[in-house]
Amino acid sequence: MSTKNIEELEVLANSGDVGAMFELGKMYFSGIGVDVDLGKAKGYFESAAAKGYQGSNYYLGKIFYN
């Protein structure tokens, strides 16, 4: 994934797009196109979960378990 796409997702996430929050969380969790950063992943997943995005809870559980 290109930096441009990451930047676009960040703009969308910062404007409240829950899908973009979740996708960024997965990218930072797995290191897809970025370095693994569980702190950033956790932040994006928590934001998405607060908006009711169910898939985020799965990844939050994995972060807290490890």
N, C-alpha and C. Protein backbone atom coordinates (compact mmCIF):
# COMPACT_ATOMS: atom_id res chain seq x y z
N MET A 1 0.86 -1.18 0.00
CA MET A 1 0.00 0.00 0.00
C MET A 1 0.90 1.23 0.00
N SER A 2 0.53 2.18 -0.78
CA SER A 2 1.37 3.38 -0.89
C SER A 2 1.13 4.34 0.27
N THR A 3 2.09 5.22 0.46
CA THR A 3 1.97 6.24 1.50
C THR A 3 0.76 7.11 1.25
N LYS A 4 0.48 7.38 -0.02
CA LYS A 4 -0.68 8.22 -0.35
C LYS A 4 -1.96 7.59 0.18
N ASN A 5 -2.09 6.28 0.00
CA ASN A 5 -3.29 5.61 0.49
C ASN A 5 -3.40 5.66 2.01
N ILE A 6 -2.27 5.54 2.67
CA ILE A 6 -2.26 5.62 4.13
C ILE A 6 -2.68 7.02 4.56
N GLU A 7 -2.15 8.02 3.88
CA GLU A 7 -2.50 9.40 4.20
C GLU A 7 -3.99 9.65 3.96
N GLU A 8 -4.53 9.10 2.88
CA GLU A 8 -5.96 9.24 2.60
C GLU A 8 -6.80 8.57 3.70
N LEU A 9 -6.38 7.39 4.12
CA LEU A 9 -7.09 6.71 5.20
C LEU A 9 -7.03 7.52 6.50
N GLU A 10 -5.88 8.12 6.77
CA GLU A 10 -5.74 8.92 7.99
C GLU A 10 -6.67 10.13 7.95
N VAL A 11 -6.79 10.77 6.79
CA VAL A 11 -7.70 11.91 6.65
C VAL A 11 -9.14 11.44 6.90
N LEU A 12 -9.50 10.33 6.29
CA LEU A 12 -10.85 9.80 6.49
C LEU A 12 -11.10 9.42 7.95
N ALA A 13 -10.13 8.76 8.56
CA ALA A 13 -10.27 8.35 9.96
C ALA A 13 -10.42 9.56 10.87
N ASN A 14 -9.63 10.59 10.62
CA ASN A 14 -9.70 11.80 11.43
C ASN A 14 -11.00 12.56 11.24
N SER A 15 -11.68 12.29 10.13
CA SER A 15 -12.98 12.94 9.90
C SER A 15 -14.14 12.07 10.40
N GLY A 16 -13.81 10.91 11.02
CA GLY A 16 -14.84 10.09 11.64
C GLY A 16 -15.24 8.85 10.87
N ASP A 17 -14.55 8.53 9.78
CA ASP A 17 -14.88 7.33 8.99
C ASP A 17 -14.44 6.08 9.75
N VAL A 18 -15.41 5.34 10.26
CA VAL A 18 -15.11 4.19 11.10
C VAL A 18 -14.42 3.07 10.32
N GLY A 19 -14.76 2.90 9.06
CA GLY A 19 -14.10 1.89 8.24
C GLY A 19 -12.63 2.19 8.05
N ALA A 20 -12.30 3.46 7.87
CA ALA A 20 -10.90 3.87 7.73
C ALA A 20 -10.15 3.65 9.03
N MET A 21 -10.80 3.91 10.16
CA MET A 21 -10.17 3.67 11.46
C MET A 21 -9.81 2.20 11.60
N PHE A 22 -10.75 1.34 11.24
CA PHE A 22 -10.53 -0.10 11.35
C PHE A 22 -9.41 -0.55 10.42
N GLU A 23 -9.42 -0.09 9.18
CA GLU A 23 -8.38 -0.47 8.23
C GLU A 23 -7.00 -0.02 8.69
N LEU A 24 -6.90 1.19 9.20
CA LEU A 24 -5.62 1.66 9.72
C LEU A 24 -5.18 0.84 10.92
N GLY A 25 -6.12 0.49 11.77
CA GLY A 25 -5.80 -0.37 12.91
C GLY A 25 -5.21 -1.69 12.46
N LYS A 26 -5.82 -2.29 11.45
CA LYS A 26 -5.31 -3.57 10.93
C LYS A 26 -3.93 -3.40 10.31
N MET A 27 -3.72 -2.30 9.61
CA MET A 27 -2.42 -2.06 8.99
C MET A 27 -1.33 -1.94 10.05
N TYR A 28 -1.59 -1.16 11.09
CA TYR A 28 -0.58 -0.99 12.15
C TYR A 28 -0.43 -2.25 13.00
N PHE A 29 -1.48 -3.02 13.14
CA PHE A 29 -1.43 -4.27 13.89
C PHE A 29 -0.57 -5.30 13.16
N SER A 30 -0.74 -5.39 11.85
CA SER A 30 -0.09 -6.43 11.06
C SER A 30 1.17 -5.97 10.34
N GLY A 31 1.42 -4.68 10.30
CA GLY A 31 2.58 -4.17 9.59
C GLY A 31 2.39 -4.17 8.08
N ILE A 32 1.18 -3.92 7.64
CA ILE A 32 0.87 -3.89 6.20
C ILE A 32 1.12 -2.47 5.68
N GLY A 33 2.22 -2.30 4.97
CA GLY A 33 2.56 -1.00 4.41
C GLY A 33 3.15 -0.02 5.41
N VAL A 34 3.21 -0.39 6.67
CA VAL A 34 3.77 0.45 7.74
C VAL A 34 4.49 -0.46 8.72
N ASP A 35 5.28 0.14 9.59
CA ASP A 35 5.89 -0.64 10.67
C ASP A 35 4.81 -1.01 11.68
N VAL A 36 4.94 -2.18 12.28
CA VAL A 36 4.00 -2.57 13.33
C VAL A 36 4.07 -1.55 14.46
N ASP A 37 2.91 -1.07 14.88
CA ASP A 37 2.81 -0.11 15.97
C ASP A 37 1.52 -0.41 16.72
N LEU A 38 1.63 -1.23 17.76
CA LEU A 38 0.43 -1.66 18.47
C LEU A 38 -0.25 -0.52 19.21
N GLY A 39 0.50 0.50 19.58
CA GLY A 39 -0.09 1.68 20.21
C GLY A 39 -1.03 2.39 19.27
N LYS A 40 -0.57 2.61 18.03
CA LYS A 40 -1.43 3.25 17.04
C LYS A 40 -2.60 2.36 16.67
N ALA A 41 -2.32 1.06 16.51
CA ALA A 41 -3.39 0.11 16.18
C ALA A 41 -4.47 0.15 17.26
N LYS A 42 -4.05 0.11 18.50
CA LYS A 42 -4.99 0.14 19.62
C LYS A 42 -5.84 1.41 19.58
N GLY A 43 -5.22 2.54 19.32
CA GLY A 43 -5.96 3.80 19.25
C GLY A 43 -7.02 3.79 18.16
N TYR A 44 -6.64 3.30 16.97
CA TYR A 44 -7.62 3.23 15.88
C TYR A 44 -8.73 2.24 16.19
N PHE A 45 -8.37 1.08 16.75
CA PHE A 45 -9.40 0.09 17.09
C PHE A 45 -10.33 0.61 18.19
N GLU A 46 -9.79 1.31 19.16
CA GLU A 46 -10.64 1.86 20.23
C GLU A 46 -11.60 2.91 19.67
N SER A 47 -11.11 3.73 18.75
CA SER A 47 -11.98 4.75 18.14
C SER A 47 -13.10 4.10 17.35
N ALA A 48 -12.75 3.06 16.58
CA ALA A 48 -13.77 2.36 15.79
C ALA A 48 -14.75 1.63 16.69
N ALA A 49 -14.26 1.01 17.75
CA ALA A 49 -15.14 0.30 18.68
C ALA A 49 -16.11 1.26 19.37
N ALA A 50 -15.64 2.46 19.69
CA ALA A 50 -16.50 3.46 20.33
C ALA A 50 -17.64 3.87 19.42
N LYS A 51 -17.44 3.72 18.11
CA LYS A 51 -18.49 4.04 17.15
C LYS A 51 -19.30 2.80 16.77
N GLY A 52 -19.06 1.69 17.47
CA GLY A 52 -19.87 0.49 17.27
C GLY A 52 -19.35 -0.49 16.24
N TYR A 53 -18.13 -0.33 15.76
CA TYR A 53 -17.58 -1.24 14.76
C TYR A 53 -17.12 -2.51 15.46
N GLN A 54 -17.90 -3.57 15.33
CA GLN A 54 -17.71 -4.80 16.08
C GLN A 54 -16.35 -5.47 15.86
N GLY A 55 -15.84 -5.48 14.63
CA GLY A 55 -14.58 -6.16 14.34
C GLY A 55 -13.42 -5.62 15.15
N SER A 56 -13.52 -4.39 15.58
CA SER A 56 -12.45 -3.78 16.35
C SER A 56 -12.23 -4.50 17.67
N ASN A 57 -13.29 -4.99 18.26
CA ASN A 57 -13.18 -5.66 19.56
C ASN A 57 -12.32 -6.91 19.47
N TYR A 58 -12.39 -7.61 18.35
CA TYR A 58 -11.57 -8.80 18.15
C TYR A 58 -10.08 -8.43 18.24
N TYR A 59 -9.69 -7.40 17.50
CA TYR A 59 -8.29 -7.00 17.48
C TYR A 59 -7.86 -6.40 18.82
N LEU A 60 -8.74 -5.67 19.46
CA LEU A 60 -8.40 -5.16 20.80
C LEU A 60 -8.14 -6.31 21.76
N GLY A 61 -8.95 -7.35 21.66
CA GLY A 61 -8.74 -8.53 22.49
C GLY A 61 -7.39 -9.16 22.23
N LYS A 62 -6.99 -9.24 20.96
CA LYS A 62 -5.69 -9.81 20.62
C LYS A 62 -4.55 -8.95 21.18
N ILE A 63 -4.71 -7.64 21.12
CA ILE A 63 -3.68 -6.74 21.64
C ILE A 63 -3.55 -6.92 23.15
N PHE A 64 -4.67 -6.94 23.85
CA PHE A 64 -4.64 -7.06 25.31
C PHE A 64 -4.19 -8.44 25.75
N TYR A 65 -4.50 -9.48 24.98
CA TYR A 65 -4.09 -10.83 25.32
C TYR A 65 -2.59 -10.97 25.27
N ASN A 66 -2.00 -10.36 24.25
CA ASN A 66 -0.55 -10.47 24.09
C ASN A 66 0.13 -9.47 24.99
